[in-house]
Amino acid sequence: ADFVVLAAEAVMAYLADGETKELLTDGFRGNFRFGRTTSVEGCSFAEGVLPNPADSCGAVENVFVHNMGLTWDESAALMGVHTLGRAELKNSGYDGWWTTPELSRRFGNSYYINIFAAGWCPEHNVNQCSDEGEAAGECKKKHQWKRCDVPREGHDQSHEMMLNTDLCLAYSDGAGGDGILRAEEDNCCAWVHSNVAEDSKINPGNFNMSAIIAQNENFFCNRECGSKLPGGGFFQCGRDNTFQTFRETEACCALAEDSPDCRTKGLGDAKGPGGPAEEAMRRFAEDEIYWASIFLTSWNKATENGFEDSLRSLGDCFS
């Protein structure tokens, strides 16, 4: 079990860049403690201990907050592991990457950037489970979120996706129901205006979208900021006017025409409240170092859970 933790930390540190790499490397090295026991009888008990995406933020709260003792912000930070790898139908019934295939090989904050710099709408029955099969208990329909903005030339986003347990942290439902976002129930478009900033009088928020857009190669919902639009005018990110608001709605929710907005602060006709960790998710998208620092705390809690009284630091080996 100790080796599994070490291997995961080595991969994450190796795939990080710059200051993030230094922070994670030093943090993993300084925080690591050994002494976890390894089961030799299998891990059937572990089935279902991770949050079930179908249960959205209710599952996140039950598993991460209640069972593991994480805060909502720490839970959101731990979700950053979704930056790496992908979901596959044969394993989970879900399909796709949380970011681009290229960025899924780098451990950073692209997962959070993708949540806010793109538009998302429901994608139903991705595992193609039939009504008959579900009734017979042979399968269960799986629903996720797909990119809702029209892809730009040379950028394949057909396999980018998010799960309920990802988007629910930043957005809530668009119909004023129980507030928990679910792809199978909420036919809304999840996105946020580019002009949201700390000093915005119209769309106030505790983060700056300009920093997020800059980290997304100056693209917002697949439109390059400052670019000329086919029908005339320019796509002026950060501007607070009716023309830009319309163009952003058109760009971010192109595949969800006439759908309501999923709720979050500073968004179209749905000004919140959003998900239980919306401010943390936005700050993680804006500031990779801040995310990495919170992630270290979350990771430490998650990997020591249940072994707190039996673990020893590496320094103890020499005392």
Protein backbone atom coordinates (compact mmCIF):
# COMPACT_ATOMS: atom_id res chain seq x y z
CA ALA A 1 0.00 0.00 0.00
CA ASP A 2 2.88 2.36 0.75
CA PHE A 3 4.37 1.58 -2.65
CA VAL A 4 1.08 2.46 -4.41
CA VAL A 5 1.05 5.86 -2.68
CA LEU A 6 4.72 6.45 -3.54
CA ALA A 7 4.17 5.44 -7.17
CA ALA A 8 1.21 7.81 -7.52
CA GLU A 9 3.18 10.67 -5.99
CA ALA A 10 6.13 10.00 -8.29
CA VAL A 11 3.87 10.11 -11.37
CA MET A 12 2.13 13.32 -10.31
CA ALA A 13 5.39 15.11 -9.49
CA TYR A 14 7.04 13.90 -12.70
CA LEU A 15 4.15 15.12 -14.86
CA ALA A 16 3.93 18.56 -13.22
CA ASP A 17 5.86 21.60 -14.47
CA GLY A 18 7.80 24.51 -13.00
CA GLU A 19 6.85 25.79 -9.55
CA THR A 20 4.07 23.23 -9.31
CA LYS A 21 6.58 20.41 -9.76
CA GLU A 22 8.82 21.87 -7.06
CA LEU A 23 5.93 22.36 -4.65
CA LEU A 24 4.55 18.84 -5.14
CA THR A 25 7.97 17.17 -5.03
CA ASP A 26 8.92 18.88 -1.77
CA GLY A 27 5.45 18.32 -0.31
CA PHE A 28 5.27 14.64 -1.15
CA ARG A 29 8.81 14.06 0.16
CA GLY A 30 8.29 16.00 3.36
CA ASN A 31 4.82 14.62 4.17
CA PHE A 32 5.27 10.94 3.35
CA ARG A 33 4.80 8.48 6.19
CA PHE A 34 4.95 4.69 5.89
CA GLY A 35 3.24 1.79 7.62
CA ARG A 36 0.04 1.18 5.65
CA THR A 37 -1.06 -2.43 5.67
CA THR A 38 -1.72 -4.28 2.42
CA SER A 39 -4.67 -6.66 2.16
CA VAL A 40 -3.82 -10.16 0.92
CA GLU A 41 -7.45 -11.22 0.70
CA GLY A 42 -8.57 -8.81 -1.98
CA CYS A 43 -10.31 -5.46 -1.68
CA SER A 44 -13.97 -6.32 -2.25
CA PHE A 45 -14.76 -4.03 0.68
CA ALA A 46 -13.57 -1.09 -1.40
CA GLU A 47 -16.33 -1.39 -4.00
CA GLY A 48 -18.44 1.73 -3.97
CA VAL A 49 -16.17 3.74 -1.67
CA LEU A 50 -15.44 6.34 -4.38
CA PRO A 51 -18.18 8.87 -5.17
CA ASN A 52 -20.76 7.49 -7.60
CA PRO A 53 -21.10 10.11 -10.38
CA ALA A 54 -24.81 9.33 -10.68
CA ASP A 55 -25.32 10.65 -7.14
CA SER A 56 -23.57 13.95 -7.93
CA CYS A 57 -22.49 16.14 -5.01
CA GLY A 58 -24.46 14.01 -2.56
CA ALA A 59 -21.85 11.30 -3.15
CA VAL A 60 -18.97 13.78 -2.85
CA GLU A 61 -20.33 14.96 0.47
CA ASN A 62 -20.87 11.44 1.78
CA VAL A 63 -17.49 10.03 0.73
CA PHE A 64 -15.07 12.95 0.91
CA VAL A 65 -16.63 15.27 3.49
CA HIS A 66 -18.30 12.88 5.93
CA ASN A 67 -16.27 9.67 5.59
CA MET A 68 -12.81 11.12 4.91
CA GLY A 69 -13.09 14.36 6.83
CA LEU A 70 -12.21 16.68 3.94
CA THR A 71 -13.64 20.16 3.61
CA TRP A 72 -15.52 21.06 0.43
CA ASP A 73 -12.50 23.01 -0.80
CA GLU A 74 -10.21 20.05 -0.11
CA SER A 75 -12.66 17.73 -1.86
CA ALA A 76 -12.60 19.99 -4.91
CA ALA A 77 -8.78 20.06 -4.83
CA LEU A 78 -8.58 16.26 -4.71
CA MET A 79 -10.73 16.12 -7.85
CA GLY A 80 -7.74 17.61 -9.67
CA VAL A 81 -6.45 14.06 -10.15
CA HIS A 82 -8.92 13.95 -13.03
CA THR A 83 -6.40 16.01 -14.96
CA LEU A 84 -4.57 12.75 -15.62
CA GLY A 85 -5.96 9.84 -17.62
CA ARG A 86 -9.47 9.22 -18.83
CA ALA A 87 -12.70 7.29 -18.23
CA GLU A 88 -13.45 4.22 -20.34
CA LEU A 89 -16.75 2.47 -21.02
CA LYS A 90 -15.36 -0.96 -20.16
CA ASN A 91 -14.33 0.21 -16.69
CA SER A 92 -16.99 2.64 -15.52
CA GLY A 93 -19.55 3.09 -18.29
CA TYR A 94 -18.35 6.67 -18.81
CA ASP A 95 -16.21 7.76 -21.74
CA GLY A 96 -13.69 10.51 -22.34
CA TRP A 97 -11.02 12.82 -20.96
CA TRP A 98 -11.59 15.63 -18.48
CA THR A 99 -9.33 17.82 -20.57
CA THR A 100 -7.57 17.50 -23.92
CA PRO A 101 -5.64 14.25 -24.54
CA GLU A 102 -2.44 16.30 -24.62
CA LEU A 103 -3.07 18.10 -21.32
CA SER A 104 -4.17 14.84 -19.68
CA ARG A 105 -0.48 13.92 -19.70
CA ARG A 106 0.42 16.96 -17.57
CA PHE A 107 -0.51 17.25 -13.89
CA GLY A 108 -1.78 20.77 -13.41
CA ASN A 109 -4.97 22.82 -13.17
CA SER A 110 -6.27 22.30 -16.73
CA TYR A 111 -9.21 20.31 -15.32
CA TYR A 112 -10.48 23.44 -13.56
CA ILE A 113 -9.74 25.72 -16.50
CA ASN A 114 -11.78 23.45 -18.75
CA ILE A 115 -14.77 23.67 -16.40
CA PHE A 116 -14.92 27.48 -16.72
CA ALA A 117 -13.41 28.28 -20.12
CA ALA A 118 -15.84 25.99 -21.97
CA GLY A 119 -19.57 25.31 -22.09
CA TRP A 120 -21.07 21.99 -20.95
CA CYS A 121 -24.40 20.30 -21.59
CA PRO A 122 -25.83 16.83 -20.81
CA GLU A 123 -24.93 13.72 -22.80
CA HIS A 124 -27.33 10.88 -22.13
CA ASN A 125 -26.87 7.11 -22.10
CA VAL A 126 -23.23 7.17 -23.17
CA ASN A 127 -22.94 3.42 -22.56
CA GLN A 128 -25.93 2.70 -24.85
CA CYS A 129 -27.87 0.70 -22.30
CA SER A 130 -31.29 -0.26 -23.68
CA ASP A 131 -34.54 0.19 -21.76
CA GLU A 132 -34.95 -3.56 -21.78
CA GLY A 133 -31.43 -4.15 -20.51
CA GLU A 134 -31.87 -1.67 -17.70
CA ALA A 135 -35.22 -3.17 -16.72
CA ALA A 136 -33.64 -6.62 -16.59
CA GLY A 137 -30.76 -5.36 -14.47
CA GLU A 138 -28.20 -6.11 -17.19
CA CYS A 139 -26.95 -2.52 -17.37
CA LYS A 140 -27.63 0.94 -16.03
CA LYS A 141 -27.74 4.03 -18.22
CA LYS A 142 -24.84 6.38 -17.61
CA HIS A 143 -25.12 10.13 -18.19
CA GLN A 144 -22.30 12.65 -18.33
CA TRP A 145 -21.56 16.17 -19.64
CA LYS A 146 -20.11 16.97 -23.07
CA ARG A 147 -18.55 20.10 -24.52
CA CYS A 148 -21.40 22.34 -25.60
CA ASP A 149 -19.39 24.90 -27.57
CA VAL A 150 -18.68 24.37 -31.27
CA PRO A 151 -15.09 23.09 -31.65
CA ARG A 152 -12.53 25.32 -33.28
CA GLU A 153 -10.62 24.19 -36.34
CA GLY A 154 -7.89 21.67 -35.53
CA HIS A 155 -9.15 21.10 -32.00
CA ASP A 156 -10.88 17.75 -31.42
CA GLN A 157 -13.03 17.97 -28.30
CA SER A 158 -15.35 15.06 -29.14
CA HIS A 159 -14.07 13.00 -26.22
CA GLU A 160 -13.87 15.72 -23.58
CA MET A 161 -16.38 15.22 -20.79
CA MET A 162 -17.24 15.95 -17.18
CA LEU A 163 -19.18 13.91 -14.64
CA ASN A 164 -21.92 15.09 -12.31
CA THR A 165 -19.42 14.91 -9.46
CA ASP A 166 -17.16 17.38 -11.30
CA LEU A 167 -19.56 20.09 -12.46
CA CYS A 168 -21.77 19.96 -9.36
CA LEU A 169 -18.91 21.47 -7.36
CA ALA A 170 -19.17 24.70 -9.35
CA TYR A 171 -22.73 24.71 -10.74
CA SER A 172 -26.20 23.86 -9.46
CA ASP A 173 -29.32 22.89 -11.39
CA GLY A 174 -30.94 25.28 -13.80
CA ALA A 175 -34.54 24.72 -12.77
CA GLY A 176 -34.45 25.74 -9.13
CA GLY A 177 -34.93 22.17 -7.89
CA ASP A 178 -32.90 20.66 -5.06
CA GLY A 179 -29.81 22.53 -6.27
CA ILE A 180 -27.75 19.44 -7.08
CA LEU A 181 -26.65 19.24 -10.72
CA ARG A 182 -27.41 15.97 -12.54
CA ALA A 183 -27.02 15.36 -16.26
CA GLU A 184 -29.94 12.95 -16.31
CA GLU A 185 -32.35 15.57 -14.92
CA ASP A 186 -31.02 19.04 -15.69
CA ASN A 187 -31.12 20.11 -19.32
CA CYS A 188 -29.06 23.23 -18.68
CA CYS A 189 -25.85 24.70 -20.07
CA ALA A 190 -22.97 25.13 -17.61
CA TRP A 191 -20.81 28.15 -18.38
CA VAL A 192 -19.83 31.53 -16.95
CA HIS A 193 -19.41 35.00 -18.49
CA SER A 194 -15.91 36.14 -19.39
CA ASN A 195 -16.39 39.48 -17.64
CA VAL A 196 -16.71 38.08 -14.13
CA ALA A 197 -14.02 39.63 -11.94
CA GLU A 198 -13.51 40.87 -8.41
CA ASP A 199 -14.20 44.47 -9.42
CA SER A 200 -17.15 43.77 -11.73
CA LYS A 201 -20.28 45.64 -10.69
CA ILE A 202 -22.56 43.58 -12.92
CA ASN A 203 -21.24 40.06 -12.36
CA PRO A 204 -19.29 40.01 -9.09
CA GLY A 205 -17.17 37.00 -8.20
CA ASN A 206 -14.08 36.20 -6.19
CA PHE A 207 -11.94 35.29 -9.17
CA ASN A 208 -10.76 36.77 -12.42
CA MET A 209 -11.80 35.09 -15.67
CA SER A 210 -9.10 36.93 -17.59
CA ALA A 211 -6.45 34.86 -15.79
CA ILE A 212 -8.29 31.65 -16.66
CA ILE A 213 -8.70 32.64 -20.31
CA ALA A 214 -5.01 33.56 -20.55
CA GLN A 215 -4.11 30.04 -19.41
CA ASN A 216 -6.45 28.67 -22.08
CA GLU A 217 -4.37 30.13 -24.95
CA ASN A 218 -6.61 33.24 -24.93
CA PHE A 219 -9.65 31.19 -26.01
CA PHE A 220 -13.04 31.32 -24.36
CA CYS A 221 -15.62 28.74 -25.42
CA ASN A 222 -13.47 28.06 -28.50
CA ARG A 223 -13.53 31.70 -29.62
CA GLU A 224 -10.24 33.55 -29.59
CA CYS A 225 -10.54 36.73 -27.59
CA GLY A 226 -10.19 39.75 -29.86
CA SER A 227 -10.89 37.75 -33.02
CA LYS A 228 -13.15 39.06 -35.77
CA LEU A 229 -16.60 37.47 -35.94
CA PRO A 230 -18.02 36.18 -39.25
CA GLY A 231 -21.05 38.47 -39.06
CA GLY A 232 -19.04 41.55 -38.12
CA GLY A 233 -17.64 42.91 -34.90
CA PHE A 234 -15.13 41.34 -32.54
CA PHE A 235 -15.27 38.75 -29.77
CA GLN A 236 -14.21 41.03 -26.93
CA CYS A 237 -13.70 38.89 -23.83
CA GLY A 238 -14.19 40.73 -20.57
CA ARG A 239 -16.50 43.38 -22.06
CA ASP A 240 -19.77 43.97 -20.25
CA ASN A 241 -22.28 44.80 -22.99
CA THR A 242 -25.32 43.24 -24.60
CA PHE A 243 -23.54 42.34 -27.85
CA GLN A 244 -20.75 40.43 -26.09
CA THR A 245 -23.19 38.70 -23.73
CA PHE A 246 -25.18 37.43 -26.70
CA ARG A 247 -22.05 36.26 -28.53
CA GLU A 248 -20.81 34.41 -25.45
CA THR A 249 -24.14 32.66 -24.96
CA GLU A 250 -24.10 31.73 -28.63
CA ALA A 251 -20.53 30.40 -28.38
CA CYS A 252 -20.66 28.57 -25.05
CA CYS A 253 -24.07 26.93 -25.45
CA ALA A 254 -24.10 26.34 -29.22
CA LEU A 255 -25.24 22.73 -28.82
CA ALA A 256 -27.84 23.53 -26.16
CA GLU A 257 -29.97 26.12 -27.90
CA ASP A 258 -32.84 27.46 -25.75
CA SER A 259 -31.58 25.54 -22.69
CA PRO A 260 -31.55 27.43 -19.38
CA ASP A 261 -28.26 28.25 -17.68
CA CYS A 262 -27.00 26.00 -14.92
CA ARG A 263 -26.71 28.22 -11.88
CA THR A 264 -23.53 29.84 -10.63
CA LYS A 265 -22.47 33.35 -9.66
CA GLY A 266 -22.21 35.87 -12.49
CA LEU A 267 -23.90 33.77 -15.14
CA GLY A 268 -26.53 35.01 -17.57
CA ASP A 269 -30.01 34.67 -16.12
CA ALA A 270 -28.81 32.41 -13.30
CA LYS A 271 -26.78 34.38 -10.81
CA GLY A 272 -26.41 31.62 -8.23
CA PRO A 273 -26.10 30.05 -5.87
CA GLY A 274 -23.80 27.60 -7.57
CA GLY A 275 -22.14 24.44 -6.31
CA PRO A 276 -20.79 23.95 -2.77
CA ALA A 277 -17.18 24.58 -3.83
CA GLU A 278 -17.70 27.13 -6.61
CA GLU A 279 -15.30 29.73 -5.23
CA ALA A 280 -12.54 27.17 -4.66
CA MET A 281 -13.01 25.68 -8.13
CA ARG A 282 -12.71 29.12 -9.70
CA ARG A 283 -9.61 30.00 -7.69
CA PHE A 284 -8.00 26.66 -8.61
CA ALA A 285 -8.60 27.49 -12.28
CA GLU A 286 -7.02 30.90 -11.82
CA ASP A 287 -4.02 29.89 -9.69
CA GLU A 288 -2.30 26.53 -10.17
CA ILE A 289 0.06 26.99 -7.21
CA TYR A 290 -2.86 27.68 -4.88
CA TRP A 291 -4.59 24.51 -6.09
CA ALA A 292 -1.42 22.43 -5.64
CA SER A 293 -1.00 23.65 -2.06
CA ILE A 294 -4.56 22.63 -1.13
CA PHE A 295 -4.17 19.39 -3.07
CA LEU A 296 -1.20 18.38 -0.90
CA THR A 297 -3.36 18.70 2.22
CA SER A 298 -6.20 16.73 0.61
CA TRP A 299 -3.86 14.03 -0.68
CA ASN A 300 -2.22 13.64 2.71
CA LYS A 301 -5.57 13.20 4.45
CA ALA A 302 -6.83 10.78 1.80
CA THR A 303 -3.76 8.54 1.81
CA GLU A 304 -3.40 8.43 5.61
CA ASN A 305 -7.09 7.90 6.32
CA GLY A 306 -7.52 4.98 8.71
CA PHE A 307 -3.78 4.64 9.41
CA GLU A 308 -3.13 7.84 11.34
CA ASP A 309 -1.95 6.09 14.52
CA SER A 310 0.31 3.55 12.80
CA LEU A 311 2.29 5.61 10.32
CA ARG A 312 5.88 6.77 10.79
CA SER A 313 7.85 9.44 8.99
CA LEU A 314 11.04 8.58 7.12
CA GLY A 315 13.01 10.52 9.71
CA ASP A 316 11.98 8.00 12.37
CA CYS A 317 14.03 5.34 10.58
CA PHE A 318 17.24 7.07 11.69
CA SER A 319 16.32 7.81 15.29
